[in-house]
N, C-alpha and C. Protein backbone atom coordinates (compact mmCIF):
# COMPACT_ATOMS: atom_id res chain seq x y z
N MET A 1 -5.98 13.46 21.50
CA MET A 1 -6.44 13.62 20.14
C MET A 1 -7.30 14.88 20.03
N LYS A 2 -7.17 15.54 18.91
CA LYS A 2 -7.93 16.78 18.68
C LYS A 2 -9.00 16.54 17.63
N LYS A 3 -10.02 17.38 17.66
CA LYS A 3 -11.11 17.28 16.68
C LYS A 3 -10.84 18.21 15.51
N TYR A 4 -11.08 17.70 14.32
CA TYR A 4 -10.89 18.47 13.09
C TYR A 4 -12.11 18.34 12.21
N GLU A 5 -12.38 19.38 11.46
CA GLU A 5 -13.40 19.35 10.42
C GLU A 5 -12.66 19.42 9.09
N ILE A 6 -12.95 18.46 8.23
CA ILE A 6 -12.26 18.38 6.94
C ILE A 6 -13.30 18.48 5.83
N MET A 7 -13.11 19.41 4.93
CA MET A 7 -13.97 19.51 3.76
C MET A 7 -13.07 19.37 2.54
N PHE A 8 -13.52 18.55 1.60
CA PHE A 8 -12.77 18.44 0.36
C PHE A 8 -13.73 18.34 -0.82
N ILE A 9 -13.23 18.75 -1.98
CA ILE A 9 -14.04 18.83 -3.20
C ILE A 9 -13.42 17.90 -4.24
N VAL A 10 -14.28 17.06 -4.83
CA VAL A 10 -13.85 16.09 -5.83
C VAL A 10 -14.30 16.58 -7.21
N ARG A 11 -13.49 16.28 -8.21
CA ARG A 11 -13.77 16.69 -9.60
C ARG A 11 -15.17 16.26 -10.04
N PRO A 12 -15.91 17.13 -10.72
CA PRO A 12 -17.26 16.80 -11.17
C PRO A 12 -17.30 15.92 -12.42
N THR A 13 -16.17 15.72 -13.08
CA THR A 13 -16.15 14.95 -14.32
C THR A 13 -16.10 13.45 -14.08
N LEU A 14 -15.99 13.03 -12.83
CA LEU A 14 -15.94 11.61 -12.50
C LEU A 14 -17.34 11.00 -12.52
N ASP A 15 -17.40 9.68 -12.77
CA ASP A 15 -18.69 9.00 -12.67
C ASP A 15 -18.99 8.74 -11.19
N GLU A 16 -20.21 8.33 -10.90
CA GLU A 16 -20.64 8.19 -9.50
C GLU A 16 -19.79 7.20 -8.71
N ALA A 17 -19.42 6.09 -9.34
CA ALA A 17 -18.59 5.08 -8.66
C ALA A 17 -17.21 5.65 -8.31
N SER A 18 -16.64 6.43 -9.21
CA SER A 18 -15.31 7.03 -8.96
C SER A 18 -15.37 8.08 -7.85
N ILE A 19 -16.48 8.80 -7.78
CA ILE A 19 -16.65 9.80 -6.73
C ILE A 19 -16.72 9.11 -5.37
N LYS A 20 -17.49 8.03 -5.29
CA LYS A 20 -17.59 7.26 -4.03
C LYS A 20 -16.23 6.69 -3.66
N LYS A 21 -15.49 6.19 -4.67
CA LYS A 21 -14.17 5.62 -4.40
C LYS A 21 -13.21 6.68 -3.88
N ALA A 22 -13.25 7.87 -4.46
CA ALA A 22 -12.38 8.97 -4.00
C ALA A 22 -12.69 9.30 -2.54
N PHE A 23 -13.98 9.33 -2.19
CA PHE A 23 -14.41 9.61 -0.81
C PHE A 23 -13.91 8.52 0.12
N GLU A 24 -14.09 7.27 -0.26
CA GLU A 24 -13.64 6.15 0.58
C GLU A 24 -12.12 6.13 0.72
N ASP A 25 -11.41 6.46 -0.36
CA ASP A 25 -9.94 6.50 -0.30
C ASP A 25 -9.45 7.56 0.68
N MET A 26 -10.09 8.72 0.67
CA MET A 26 -9.67 9.79 1.58
C MET A 26 -10.00 9.43 3.03
N LYS A 27 -11.13 8.77 3.25
CA LYS A 27 -11.47 8.31 4.61
C LYS A 27 -10.46 7.26 5.07
N LYS A 28 -10.04 6.38 4.15
CA LYS A 28 -9.09 5.32 4.49
C LYS A 28 -7.74 5.90 4.91
N VAL A 29 -7.32 6.99 4.27
CA VAL A 29 -6.06 7.64 4.66
C VAL A 29 -6.12 8.02 6.13
N LEU A 30 -7.27 8.55 6.56
CA LEU A 30 -7.41 8.95 7.96
C LEU A 30 -7.46 7.74 8.90
N THR A 31 -8.31 6.76 8.57
CA THR A 31 -8.45 5.60 9.46
C THR A 31 -7.17 4.77 9.53
N ASP A 32 -6.40 4.71 8.45
CA ASP A 32 -5.12 4.00 8.47
C ASP A 32 -4.12 4.67 9.39
N ASN A 33 -4.32 5.96 9.64
CA ASN A 33 -3.43 6.72 10.53
C ASN A 33 -4.07 6.94 11.91
N LYS A 34 -4.94 6.02 12.30
CA LYS A 34 -5.55 5.98 13.64
C LYS A 34 -6.49 7.13 13.95
N ALA A 35 -7.06 7.75 12.92
CA ALA A 35 -8.06 8.79 13.14
C ALA A 35 -9.42 8.13 13.32
N LYS A 36 -10.26 8.76 14.12
CA LYS A 36 -11.61 8.24 14.37
C LYS A 36 -12.60 9.19 13.68
N ILE A 37 -13.38 8.66 12.75
CA ILE A 37 -14.35 9.48 12.02
C ILE A 37 -15.62 9.57 12.86
N LEU A 38 -15.96 10.79 13.28
CA LEU A 38 -17.12 11.02 14.13
C LEU A 38 -18.37 11.31 13.30
N GLU A 39 -18.18 11.99 12.18
CA GLU A 39 -19.29 12.41 11.33
C GLU A 39 -18.82 12.43 9.89
N GLU A 40 -19.70 12.03 8.99
CA GLU A 40 -19.38 12.17 7.56
C GLU A 40 -20.63 12.62 6.83
N GLN A 41 -20.43 13.48 5.86
CA GLN A 41 -21.56 14.04 5.14
C GLN A 41 -21.18 14.24 3.68
N GLU A 42 -22.01 13.69 2.80
CA GLU A 42 -21.84 13.91 1.37
C GLU A 42 -22.78 15.04 1.00
N MET A 43 -22.22 16.17 0.62
CA MET A 43 -23.04 17.36 0.38
C MET A 43 -23.48 17.50 -1.07
N GLY A 44 -22.98 16.65 -1.95
CA GLY A 44 -23.40 16.66 -3.35
C GLY A 44 -22.66 17.68 -4.19
N GLN A 45 -23.15 17.83 -5.42
CA GLN A 45 -22.50 18.74 -6.36
C GLN A 45 -22.99 20.16 -6.14
N LYS A 46 -22.04 21.08 -6.06
CA LYS A 46 -22.35 22.49 -5.85
C LYS A 46 -21.47 23.33 -6.76
N ASP A 47 -21.94 24.55 -7.02
CA ASP A 47 -21.14 25.50 -7.78
C ASP A 47 -19.97 25.97 -6.94
N LEU A 48 -18.84 26.18 -7.58
CA LEU A 48 -17.67 26.73 -6.89
C LEU A 48 -17.75 28.25 -6.93
N ALA A 49 -17.16 28.91 -5.96
CA ALA A 49 -17.15 30.37 -5.93
C ALA A 49 -16.37 30.94 -7.12
N TYR A 50 -15.36 30.20 -7.53
CA TYR A 50 -14.56 30.59 -8.69
C TYR A 50 -14.01 29.31 -9.31
N GLU A 51 -13.59 29.41 -10.55
CA GLU A 51 -13.10 28.25 -11.28
C GLU A 51 -11.81 27.72 -10.66
N MET A 52 -11.77 26.40 -10.42
CA MET A 52 -10.58 25.76 -9.88
C MET A 52 -10.19 24.60 -10.79
N LYS A 53 -8.96 24.60 -11.26
CA LYS A 53 -8.46 23.55 -12.13
C LYS A 53 -9.43 23.29 -13.29
N LYS A 54 -9.94 24.36 -13.87
CA LYS A 54 -10.85 24.36 -15.02
C LYS A 54 -12.22 23.75 -14.72
N HIS A 55 -12.63 23.71 -13.45
CA HIS A 55 -13.95 23.20 -13.07
C HIS A 55 -14.76 24.31 -12.43
N LYS A 56 -16.06 24.34 -12.75
CA LYS A 56 -16.94 25.35 -12.18
C LYS A 56 -17.84 24.77 -11.10
N THR A 57 -17.89 23.43 -11.00
CA THR A 57 -18.65 22.75 -9.94
C THR A 57 -17.76 21.66 -9.35
N GLY A 58 -18.21 21.09 -8.23
CA GLY A 58 -17.48 20.00 -7.61
C GLY A 58 -18.37 19.27 -6.61
N TYR A 59 -17.98 18.06 -6.26
CA TYR A 59 -18.70 17.28 -5.26
C TYR A 59 -18.06 17.52 -3.90
N TYR A 60 -18.86 18.03 -2.97
CA TYR A 60 -18.37 18.40 -1.64
C TYR A 60 -18.58 17.27 -0.65
N PHE A 61 -17.58 17.06 0.21
CA PHE A 61 -17.64 16.08 1.29
C PHE A 61 -17.14 16.73 2.57
N LEU A 62 -17.78 16.37 3.68
CA LEU A 62 -17.41 16.92 4.98
C LEU A 62 -17.19 15.78 5.96
N LEU A 63 -16.08 15.83 6.68
CA LEU A 63 -15.76 14.83 7.71
C LEU A 63 -15.43 15.56 9.00
N VAL A 64 -15.90 15.02 10.11
CA VAL A 64 -15.47 15.48 11.43
C VAL A 64 -14.72 14.31 12.03
N VAL A 65 -13.46 14.54 12.38
CA VAL A 65 -12.62 13.45 12.86
C VAL A 65 -11.92 13.82 14.15
N GLU A 66 -11.51 12.80 14.88
CA GLU A 66 -10.66 12.95 16.05
C GLU A 66 -9.34 12.31 15.66
N ALA A 67 -8.26 13.10 15.64
CA ALA A 67 -7.01 12.57 15.11
C ALA A 67 -5.81 13.29 15.70
N GLU A 68 -4.67 12.66 15.52
CA GLU A 68 -3.39 13.28 15.86
C GLU A 68 -2.93 14.07 14.63
N SER A 69 -1.97 14.94 14.82
CA SER A 69 -1.51 15.80 13.73
C SER A 69 -0.87 15.00 12.59
N GLU A 70 -0.30 13.82 12.88
CA GLU A 70 0.31 13.00 11.84
C GLU A 70 -0.73 12.55 10.82
N ALA A 71 -1.93 12.19 11.28
CA ALA A 71 -3.00 11.75 10.39
C ALA A 71 -3.45 12.91 9.49
N ILE A 72 -3.53 14.10 10.07
CA ILE A 72 -3.95 15.28 9.31
C ILE A 72 -2.88 15.64 8.28
N SER A 73 -1.62 15.54 8.66
CA SER A 73 -0.52 15.82 7.73
C SER A 73 -0.55 14.86 6.55
N GLU A 74 -0.79 13.59 6.83
CA GLU A 74 -0.86 12.58 5.77
C GLU A 74 -2.07 12.83 4.87
N PHE A 75 -3.21 13.21 5.46
CA PHE A 75 -4.39 13.54 4.66
C PHE A 75 -4.08 14.68 3.71
N ASN A 76 -3.47 15.74 4.22
CA ASN A 76 -3.12 16.90 3.38
C ASN A 76 -2.17 16.51 2.26
N ARG A 77 -1.21 15.65 2.58
CA ARG A 77 -0.23 15.21 1.58
C ARG A 77 -0.93 14.44 0.46
N ILE A 78 -1.80 13.50 0.83
CA ILE A 78 -2.50 12.69 -0.16
C ILE A 78 -3.49 13.55 -0.96
N ALA A 79 -4.18 14.47 -0.30
CA ALA A 79 -5.14 15.34 -0.99
C ALA A 79 -4.43 16.20 -2.05
N ASN A 80 -3.21 16.63 -1.76
CA ASN A 80 -2.45 17.42 -2.73
C ASN A 80 -1.97 16.58 -3.91
N ILE A 81 -1.72 15.30 -3.68
CA ILE A 81 -1.24 14.40 -4.74
C ILE A 81 -2.40 13.90 -5.59
N ASN A 82 -3.53 13.62 -4.96
CA ASN A 82 -4.68 13.00 -5.62
C ASN A 82 -5.28 13.96 -6.66
N GLU A 83 -5.30 13.54 -7.91
CA GLU A 83 -5.81 14.40 -8.99
C GLU A 83 -7.32 14.57 -8.94
N ASP A 84 -8.02 13.66 -8.26
CA ASP A 84 -9.48 13.74 -8.17
C ASP A 84 -9.94 14.80 -7.16
N VAL A 85 -9.08 15.14 -6.20
CA VAL A 85 -9.41 16.15 -5.19
C VAL A 85 -8.92 17.50 -5.70
N ILE A 86 -9.87 18.43 -5.91
CA ILE A 86 -9.44 19.73 -6.44
C ILE A 86 -9.19 20.76 -5.35
N ARG A 87 -9.71 20.53 -4.14
CA ARG A 87 -9.45 21.45 -3.02
C ARG A 87 -9.79 20.75 -1.71
N SER A 88 -9.03 21.05 -0.66
CA SER A 88 -9.36 20.52 0.66
C SER A 88 -9.04 21.58 1.72
N LEU A 89 -9.75 21.51 2.82
CA LEU A 89 -9.56 22.45 3.92
C LEU A 89 -9.73 21.69 5.23
N VAL A 90 -8.75 21.84 6.12
CA VAL A 90 -8.80 21.21 7.44
C VAL A 90 -8.87 22.31 8.48
N THR A 91 -9.87 22.24 9.36
CA THR A 91 -10.05 23.23 10.41
C THR A 91 -10.06 22.51 11.75
N LYS A 92 -9.27 23.03 12.69
CA LYS A 92 -9.25 22.45 14.04
C LYS A 92 -10.44 23.01 14.81
N LEU A 93 -11.21 22.13 15.43
CA LEU A 93 -12.38 22.54 16.20
C LEU A 93 -11.98 22.78 17.65
N GLU A 94 -12.62 23.74 18.27
CA GLU A 94 -12.35 24.03 19.68
C GLU A 94 -12.95 22.92 20.55
N SER A 95 -12.31 22.63 21.65
CA SER A 95 -12.78 21.58 22.55
C SER A 95 -14.03 21.97 23.29
C-alpha cells in the first residue's frame, strides 16, 4: 500500500451538517475500498485562488491515507460526480 495526501474542497453554500456529511461520505469511499486513514484535518473555509464553479470560497479538507490505487481511482471518480465537491487533488507521498 502507498501513502497519499488528498485535499478536497466542498461548496461553501452548504449548511454545516451537509459539509460534515460530504466529508464523511468522501472518507467512506476510501474506507469501503480498504484504505486506511492515517490523518484527517478540517481546514475550514478559505478563499479560493480563483473562482471555481461560481464560488469564491470553499471548505478545505485534508486526508493522509494508505491505500491501493483502486481506492484512489474510486475516490477520484466519486469526487468528480459529487456536486458538493468543487475540486480535489491526490498526491502520492514518498516512502
